[in-house]
PDB file of N, CA and C in Angstrom:
ATOM      1  N   UNK A   1     118.647 110.391 -77.535  1.00  0.00           N
ATOM      2  CA  UNK A   1     117.480 109.917 -76.814  1.00  0.00           C
ATOM      3  C   UNK A   1     116.607 111.119 -76.430  1.00  0.00           C
ATOM      4  N   UNK A   2     115.267 111.014 -76.645  1.00  0.00           N
ATOM      5  CA  UNK A   2     114.388 112.136 -76.302  1.00  0.00           C
ATOM      6  C   UNK A   2     114.359 112.397 -74.796  1.00  0.00           C
ATOM      7  N   UNK A   3     114.162 113.649 -74.461  1.00  0.00           N
ATOM      8  CA  UNK A   3     114.027 114.013 -73.046  1.00  0.00           C
ATOM      9  C   UNK A   3     112.678 113.541 -72.531  1.00  0.00           C
ATOM     10  N   UNK A   4     112.601 113.293 -71.235  1.00  0.00           N
ATOM     11  CA  UNK A   4     111.361 112.805 -70.622  1.00  0.00           C
ATOM     12  C   UNK A   4     110.210 113.773 -70.855  1.00  0.00           C
ATOM     13  N   UNK A   5     110.468 115.066 -70.757  1.00  0.00           N
ATOM     14  CA  UNK A   5     109.392 116.049 -70.932  1.00  0.00           C
ATOM     15  C   UNK A   5     108.858 116.014 -72.357  1.00  0.00           C
ATOM     16  N   UNK A   6     109.740 115.791 -73.338  1.00  0.00           N
ATOM     17  CA  UNK A   6     109.298 115.698 -74.724  1.00  0.00           C
ATOM     18  C   UNK A   6     108.431 114.458 -74.936  1.00  0.00           C
ATOM     19  N   UNK A   7     108.809 113.363 -74.313  1.00  0.00           N
ATOM     20  CA  UNK A   7     108.016 112.132 -74.414  1.00  0.00           C
ATOM     21  C   UNK A   7     106.636 112.323 -73.766  1.00  0.00           C
ATOM     22  N   UNK A   8     106.607 113.021 -72.631  1.00  0.00           N
ATOM     23  CA  UNK A   8     105.325 113.270 -71.967  1.00  0.00           C
ATOM     24  C   UNK A   8     104.438 114.171 -72.821  1.00  0.00           C
ATOM     25  N   UNK A   9     105.019 115.177 -73.440  1.00  0.00           N
ATOM     26  CA  UNK A   9     104.229 116.067 -74.301  1.00  0.00           C
ATOM     27  C   UNK A   9     103.654 115.308 -75.491  1.00  0.00           C
ATOM     28  N   UNK A  10     104.461 114.433 -76.084  1.00  0.00           N
ATOM     29  CA  UNK A  10     103.955 113.631 -77.204  1.00  0.00           C
ATOM     30  C   UNK A  10     102.831 112.706 -76.762  1.00  0.00           C
ATOM     31  N   UNK A  11     102.980 112.121 -75.591  1.00  0.00           N
ATOM     32  CA  UNK A  11     101.927 111.253 -75.062  1.00  0.00           C
ATOM     33  C   UNK A  11     100.658 112.065 -74.822  1.00  0.00           C
ATOM     34  N   UNK A  12     100.819 113.262 -74.291  1.00  0.00           N
ATOM     35  CA  UNK A  12      99.659 114.131 -74.072  1.00  0.00           C
ATOM     36  C   UNK A  12      98.956 114.438 -75.394  1.00  0.00           C
ATOM     37  N   UNK A  13      99.720 114.706 -76.436  1.00  0.00           N
ATOM     38  CA  UNK A  13      99.135 114.984 -77.749  1.00  0.00           C
ATOM     39  C   UNK A  13      98.394 113.765 -78.288  1.00  0.00           C
ATOM     40  N   UNK A  14      98.982 112.591 -78.111  1.00  0.00           N
ATOM     41  CA  UNK A  14      98.329 111.351 -78.568  1.00  0.00           C
ATOM     42  C   UNK A  14      97.032 111.098 -77.805  1.00  0.00           C
ATOM     43  N   UNK A  15      97.068 111.301 -76.499  1.00  0.00           N
ATOM     44  CA  UNK A  15      95.861 111.075 -75.696  1.00  0.00           C
ATOM     45  C   UNK A  15      94.789 112.093 -76.063  1.00  0.00           C
ATOM     46  N   UNK A  16      95.171 113.342 -76.264  1.00  0.00           N
ATOM     47  CA  UNK A  16      94.201 114.364 -76.663  1.00  0.00           C
ATOM     48  C   UNK A  16      93.557 113.999 -77.994  1.00  0.00           C
ATOM     49  N   UNK A  17      94.365 113.528 -78.936  1.00  0.00           N
ATOM     50  CA  UNK A  17      93.826 113.108 -80.231  1.00  0.00           C
ATOM     51  C   UNK A  17      92.831 111.955 -80.052  1.00  0.00           C
ATOM     52  N   UNK A  18      93.155 111.015 -79.180  1.00  0.00           N
ATOM     53  CA  UNK A  18      92.254 109.888 -78.913  1.00  0.00           C
ATOM     54  C   UNK A  18      90.961 110.356 -78.244  1.00  0.00           C
ATOM     55  N   UNK A  19      91.064 111.280 -77.302  1.00  0.00           N
ATOM     56  CA  UNK A  19      89.874 111.801 -76.619  1.00  0.00           C
ATOM     57  C   UNK A  19      88.976 112.538 -77.603  1.00  0.00           C
ATOM     58  N   UNK A  20      89.555 113.343 -78.472  1.00  0.00           N
ATOM     59  CA  UNK A  20      88.755 114.066 -79.466  1.00  0.00           C
ATOM     60  C   UNK A  20      88.050 113.090 -80.404  1.00  0.00           C
ATOM     61  N   UNK A  21      88.745 112.040 -80.809  1.00  0.00           N
ATOM     62  CA  UNK A  21      88.140 111.025 -81.671  1.00  0.00           C
ATOM     63  C   UNK A  21      86.979 110.341 -80.947  1.00  0.00           C
ATOM     64  N   UNK A  22      87.204 109.956 -79.705  1.00  0.00           N
ATOM     65  CA  UNK A  22      86.164 109.298 -78.921  1.00  0.00           C
ATOM     66  C   UNK A  22      84.974 110.225 -78.721  1.00  0.00           C
ATOM     67  N   UNK A  23      85.216 111.499 -78.461  1.00  0.00           N
ATOM     68  CA  UNK A  23      84.139 112.465 -78.294  1.00  0.00           C
ATOM     69  C   UNK A  23      83.302 112.571 -79.563  1.00  0.00           C
ATOM     70  N   UNK A  24      83.984 112.649 -80.693  1.00  0.00           N
ATOM     71  CA  UNK A  24      83.281 112.755 -81.980  1.00  0.00           C
ATOM     72  C   UNK A  24      82.436 111.510 -82.250  1.00  0.00           C
ATOM     73  N   UNK A  25      83.014 110.341 -82.021  1.00  0.00           N
ATOM     74  CA  UNK A  25      82.334 109.085 -82.333  1.00  0.00           C
ATOM     75  C   UNK A  25      81.200 108.749 -81.359  1.00  0.00           C
ATOM     76  N   UNK A  26      81.181 109.387 -80.191  1.00  0.00           N
ATOM     77  CA  UNK A  26      80.138 109.112 -79.197  1.00  0.00           C
ATOM     78  C   UNK A  26      79.199 110.305 -79.008  1.00  0.00           C
ATOM     79  N   UNK A  27      79.205 111.209 -79.964  1.00  0.00           N
ATOM     80  CA  UNK A  27      78.370 112.417 -79.875  1.00  0.00           C
ATOM     81  C   UNK A  27      78.594 113.130 -78.540  1.00  0.00           C
ATOM     82  N   UNK A  28      79.836 113.530 -78.325  1.00  0.00           N
ATOM     83  CA  UNK A  28      80.256 114.244 -77.106  1.00  0.00           C
ATOM     84  C   UNK A  28      80.040 113.407 -75.849  1.00  0.00           C
ATOM     85  N   UNK A  29      80.409 112.148 -75.906  1.00  0.00           N
ATOM     86  CA  UNK A  29      80.343 111.203 -74.788  1.00  0.00           C
ATOM     87  C   UNK A  29      78.907 110.899 -74.355  1.00  0.00           C
ATOM     88  N   UNK A  30      77.970 110.967 -75.303  1.00  0.00           N
ATOM     89  CA  UNK A  30      76.564 110.701 -74.979  1.00  0.00           C
ATOM     90  C   UNK A  30      76.074 109.342 -75.458  1.00  0.00           C
ATOM     91  N   UNK A  31      76.657 108.783 -76.511  1.00  0.00           N
ATOM     92  CA  UNK A  31      76.198 107.492 -77.035  1.00  0.00           C
ATOM     93  C   UNK A  31      77.410 106.599 -77.212  1.00  0.00           C
ATOM     94  N   UNK A  32      77.751 105.757 -76.281  1.00  0.00           N
ATOM     95  CA  UNK A  32      77.109 105.562 -74.987  1.00  0.00           C
ATOM     96  C   UNK A  32      77.526 106.665 -74.007  1.00  0.00           C
ATOM     97  N   UNK A  33      76.717 106.827 -72.970  1.00  0.00           N
ATOM     98  CA  UNK A  33      77.033 107.814 -71.951  1.00  0.00           C
ATOM     99  C   UNK A  33      78.310 107.395 -71.239  1.00  0.00           C
ATOM    100  N   UNK A  34      79.225 108.337 -71.119  1.00  0.00           N
ATOM    101  CA  UNK A  34      80.478 108.056 -70.440  1.00  0.00           C
ATOM    102  C   UNK A  34      81.043 109.336 -69.865  1.00  0.00           C
ATOM    103  N   UNK A  35      81.998 109.190 -68.972  1.00  0.00           N
ATOM    104  CA  UNK A  35      82.647 110.366 -68.400  1.00  0.00           C
ATOM    105  C   UNK A  35      84.125 110.091 -68.207  1.00  0.00           C
ATOM    106  N   UNK A  36      84.911 111.147 -68.307  1.00  0.00           N
ATOM    107  CA  UNK A  36      86.336 111.063 -68.048  1.00  0.00           C
ATOM    108  C   UNK A  36      86.534 111.161 -66.544  1.00  0.00           C
ATOM    109  N   UNK A  37      87.360 110.281 -65.990  1.00  0.00           N
ATOM    110  CA  UNK A  37      87.668 110.319 -64.556  1.00  0.00           C
ATOM    111  C   UNK A  37      89.180 110.305 -64.384  1.00  0.00           C
ATOM    112  N   UNK A  38      89.655 110.555 -63.202  1.00  0.00           N
ATOM    113  CA  UNK A  38      91.087 110.471 -62.929  1.00  0.00           C
ATOM    114  C   UNK A  38      91.825 111.748 -63.275  1.00  0.00           C
ATOM    115  N   UNK A  39      93.082 111.582 -63.690  1.00  0.00           N
ATOM    116  CA  UNK A  39      93.974 112.720 -63.930  1.00  0.00           C
ATOM    117  C   UNK A  39      93.465 113.703 -64.954  1.00  0.00           C
ATOM    118  N   UNK A  40      92.913 113.213 -66.056  1.00  0.00           N
ATOM    119  CA  UNK A  40      92.423 114.132 -67.084  1.00  0.00           C
ATOM    120  C   UNK A  40      91.186 114.889 -66.623  1.00  0.00           C
ATOM    121  N   UNK A  41      90.341 114.265 -65.864  1.00  0.00           N
ATOM    122  CA  UNK A  41      89.188 114.976 -65.317  1.00  0.00           C
ATOM    123  C   UNK A  41      89.661 116.047 -64.330  1.00  0.00           C
ATOM    124  N   UNK A  42      90.657 115.711 -63.536  1.00  0.00           N
ATOM    125  CA  UNK A  42      91.196 116.655 -62.560  1.00  0.00           C
ATOM    126  C   UNK A  42      91.783 117.885 -63.233  1.00  0.00           C
ATOM    127  N   UNK A  43      92.391 117.711 -64.393  1.00  0.00           N
ATOM    128  CA  UNK A  43      93.012 118.844 -65.099  1.00  0.00           C
ATOM    129  C   UNK A  43      92.008 119.945 -65.416  1.00  0.00           C
ATOM    130  N   UNK A  44      90.741 119.619 -65.516  1.00  0.00           N
ATOM    131  CA  UNK A  44      89.728 120.636 -65.797  1.00  0.00           C
ATOM    132  C   UNK A  44      89.539 121.578 -64.616  1.00  0.00           C
ATOM    133  N   UNK A  45      90.009 121.170 -63.421  1.00  0.00           N
ATOM    134  CA  UNK A  45      89.739 121.943 -62.210  1.00  0.00           C
ATOM    135  C   UNK A  45      90.986 122.475 -61.510  1.00  0.00           C
ATOM    136  N   UNK A  46      92.154 122.172 -62.025  1.00  0.00           N
ATOM    137  CA  UNK A  46      93.371 122.653 -61.367  1.00  0.00           C
ATOM    138  C   UNK A  46      94.092 123.636 -62.291  1.00  0.00           C
ATOM    139  N   UNK A  47      94.781 124.617 -61.720  1.00  0.00           N
ATOM    140  CA  UNK A  47      95.352 125.686 -62.525  1.00  0.00           C
ATOM    141  C   UNK A  47      96.692 125.349 -63.189  1.00  0.00           C
ATOM    142  N   UNK A  48      97.293 124.206 -62.903  1.00  0.00           N
ATOM    143  CA  UNK A  48      98.592 123.906 -63.477  1.00  0.00           C
ATOM    144  C   UNK A  48      98.534 122.645 -64.331  1.00  0.00           C
ATOM    145  N   UNK A  49      99.504 122.529 -65.215  1.00  0.00           N
ATOM    146  CA  UNK A  49      99.565 121.351 -66.080  1.00  0.00           C
ATOM    147  C   UNK A  49      99.967 120.139 -65.256  1.00  0.00           C
ATOM    148  N   UNK A  50      99.332 119.043 -65.512  1.00  0.00           N
ATOM    149  CA  UNK A  50      99.619 117.818 -64.780  1.00  0.00           C
ATOM    150  C   UNK A  50      99.726 116.692 -65.794  1.00  0.00           C
ATOM    151  N   UNK A  51     100.862 116.045 -65.859  1.00  0.00           N
ATOM    152  CA  UNK A  51     101.025 114.923 -66.773  1.00  0.00           C
ATOM    153  C   UNK A  51     100.518 113.656 -66.101  1.00  0.00           C
ATOM    154  N   UNK A  52      99.911 112.807 -66.880  1.00  0.00           N
ATOM    155  CA  UNK A  52      99.428 111.529 -66.384  1.00  0.00           C
ATOM    156  C   UNK A  52      99.712 110.479 -67.445  1.00  0.00           C
ATOM    157  N   UNK A  53      99.749 109.242 -67.059  1.00  0.00           N
ATOM    158  CA  UNK A  53     100.095 108.179 -67.997  1.00  0.00           C
ATOM    159  C   UNK A  53      98.885 107.513 -68.630  1.00  0.00           C
ATOM    160  N   UNK A  54      97.717 107.782 -68.131  1.00  0.00           N
ATOM    161  CA  UNK A  54      96.550 107.101 -68.678  1.00  0.00           C
ATOM    162  C   UNK A  54      95.353 108.035 -68.708  1.00  0.00           C
ATOM    163  N   UNK A  55      94.323 107.576 -69.321  1.00  0.00           N
ATOM    164  CA  UNK A  55      93.083 108.330 -69.398  1.00  0.00           C
ATOM    165  C   UNK A  55      91.961 107.360 -69.056  1.00  0.00           C
ATOM    166  N   UNK A  56      91.234 107.646 -68.001  1.00  0.00           N
ATOM    167  CA  UNK A  56      90.213 106.734 -67.498  1.00  0.00           C
ATOM    168  C   UNK A  56      88.814 107.234 -67.819  1.00  0.00           C
ATOM    169  N   UNK A  57      87.935 106.302 -68.145  1.00  0.00           N
ATOM    170  CA  UNK A  57      86.538 106.609 -68.415  1.00  0.00           C
ATOM    171  C   UNK A  57      85.652 105.698 -67.585  1.00  0.00           C
ATOM    172  N   UNK A  58      84.481 106.181 -67.261  1.00  0.00           N
ATOM    173  CA  UNK A  58      83.444 105.359 -66.644  1.00  0.00           C
ATOM    174  C   UNK A  58      82.322 105.204 -67.667  1.00  0.00           C
ATOM    175  N   UNK A  59      81.918 103.954 -67.903  1.00  0.00           N
ATOM    176  CA  UNK A  59      80.876 103.644 -68.879  1.00  0.00           C
ATOM    177  C   UNK A  59      79.883 102.715 -68.200  1.00  0.00           C
ATOM    178  N   UNK A  60      78.596 103.038 -68.319  1.00  0.00           N
ATOM    179  CA  UNK A  60      77.566 102.195 -67.717  1.00  0.00           C
ATOM    180  C   UNK A  60      77.248 101.001 -68.597  1.00  0.00           C
ATOM    181  N   UNK A  61      76.852  99.916 -67.942  1.00  0.00           N
ATOM    182  CA  UNK A  61      76.344  98.769 -68.689  1.00  0.00           C
ATOM    183  C   UNK A  61      74.863  99.038 -68.933  1.00  0.00           C
ATOM    184  N   UNK A  62      74.487  99.084 -70.197  1.00  0.00           N
ATOM    185  CA  UNK A  62      73.106  99.384 -70.540  1.00  0.00           C
ATOM    186  C   UNK A  62      72.813  98.737 -71.889  1.00  0.00           C
ATOM    187  N   UNK A  63      71.775  97.942 -71.965  1.00  0.00           N
ATOM    188  CA  UNK A  63      71.438  97.241 -73.213  1.00  0.00           C
ATOM    189  C   UNK A  63      72.647  96.481 -73.755  1.00  0.00           C
ATOM    190  N   UNK A  64      73.242  95.677 -72.930  1.00  0.00           N
ATOM    191  CA  UNK A  64      74.461  94.978 -73.318  1.00  0.00           C
ATOM    192  C   UNK A  64      75.671  95.755 -72.819  1.00  0.00           C
ATOM    193  N   UNK A  65      76.811  95.322 -73.237  1.00  0.00           N
ATOM    194  CA  UNK A  65      78.052  95.957 -72.788  1.00  0.00           C
ATOM    195  C   UNK A  65      78.458  97.077 -73.729  1.00  0.00           C
ATOM    196  N   UNK A  66      78.412  98.312 -73.237  1.00  0.00           N
ATOM    197  CA  UNK A  66      78.849  99.456 -74.036  1.00  0.00           C
ATOM    198  C   UNK A  66      80.332  99.381 -74.372  1.00  0.00           C
ATOM    199  N   UNK A  67      81.090  98.630 -73.604  1.00  0.00           N
ATOM    200  CA  UNK A  67      82.521  98.535 -73.872  1.00  0.00           C
ATOM    201  C   UNK A  67      82.781  97.917 -75.244  1.00  0.00           C
ATOM    202  N   UNK A  68      81.865  97.070 -75.725  1.00  0.00           N
ATOM    203  CA  UNK A  68      82.030  96.498 -77.063  1.00  0.00           C
ATOM    204  C   UNK A  68      81.982  97.594 -78.128  1.00  0.00           C
ATOM    205  N   UNK A  69      81.124  98.578 -77.933  1.00  0.00           N
ATOM    206  CA  UNK A  69      81.047  99.706 -78.861  1.00  0.00           C
ATOM    207  C   UNK A  69      82.335 100.536 -78.797  1.00  0.00           C
ATOM    208  N   UNK A  70      82.858 100.712 -77.608  1.00  0.00           N
ATOM    209  CA  UNK A  70      84.103 101.468 -77.437  1.00  0.00           C
ATOM    210  C   UNK A  70      85.245 100.754 -78.166  1.00  0.00           C
ATOM    211  N   UNK A  71      85.257  99.439 -78.123  1.00  0.00           N
ATOM    212  CA  UNK A  71      86.292  98.689 -78.845  1.00  0.00           C
ATOM    213  C   UNK A  71      86.216  98.963 -80.343  1.00  0.00           C
ATOM    214  N   UNK A  72      85.014  99.055 -80.886  1.00  0.00           N
ATOM    215  CA  UNK A  72      84.855  99.372 -82.312  1.00  0.00           C
ATOM    216  C   UNK A  72      85.382 100.770 -82.616  1.00  0.00           C
ATOM    217  N   UNK A  73      85.114 101.708 -81.735  1.00  0.00           N
ATOM    218  CA  UNK A  73      85.611 103.080 -81.920  1.00  0.00           C
ATOM    219  C   UNK A  73      87.132 103.077 -81.888  1.00  0.00           C
ATOM    220  N   UNK A  74      87.698 102.305 -80.992  1.00  0.00           N
ATOM    221  CA  UNK A  74      89.160 102.218 -80.898  1.00  0.00           C
ATOM    222  C   UNK A  74      89.756 101.683 -82.195  1.00  0.00           C
ATOM    223  N   UNK A  75      89.123 100.683 -82.754  1.00  0.00           N
ATOM    224  CA  UNK A  75      89.616 100.132 -84.023  1.00  0.00           C
ATOM    225  C   UNK A  75      89.589 101.199 -85.118  1.00  0.00           C
ATOM    226  N   UNK A  76      88.519 101.994 -85.159  1.00  0.00           N
ATOM    227  CA  UNK A  76      88.438 103.031 -86.186  1.00  0.00           C
ATOM    228  C   UNK A  76      89.489 104.108 -85.958  1.00  0.00           C
ATOM    229  N   UNK A  77      89.859 104.360 -84.715  1.00  0.00           N
ATOM    230  CA  UNK A  77      90.893 105.351 -84.383  1.00  0.00           C
ATOM    231  C   UNK A  77      92.235 104.898 -84.950  1.00  0.00           C
ATOM    232  N   UNK A  78      92.533 103.650 -84.831  1.00  0.00           N
ATOM    233  CA  UNK A  78      93.828 103.152 -85.305  1.00  0.00           C
ATOM    234  C   UNK A  78      93.906 103.094 -86.827  1.00  0.00           C
ATOM    235  N   UNK A  79      92.759 103.146 -87.498  1.00  0.00           N
ATOM    236  CA  UNK A  79      92.755 103.156 -88.959  1.00  0.00           C
ATOM    237  C   UNK A  79      92.907 104.565 -89.518  1.00  0.00           C
ATOM    238  N   UNK A  80      92.738 105.600 -88.659  1.00  0.00           N
ATOM    239  CA  UNK A  80      92.828 106.984 -89.143  1.00  0.00           C
ATOM    240  C   UNK A  80      94.251 107.470 -89.170  1.00  0.00           C
TER     241      UNK A  80
END
């Protein structure tokens, strides 16, 4: 059975891969405009590694629901 730290590292790698994909597909989080919040946003400002179980984003409603576009990006991520 894998150790907990190994599982957390793998999850971190998976989340990083997803964030990079989302950044690429949204032109660096500009289309639609969005921001990372929560644990991953905090990691940019603290000096130590912090594991978290999720990655949170804030997306504005503008010209319809931007979340529908995010769902399309998610589908393309799972095909890669």
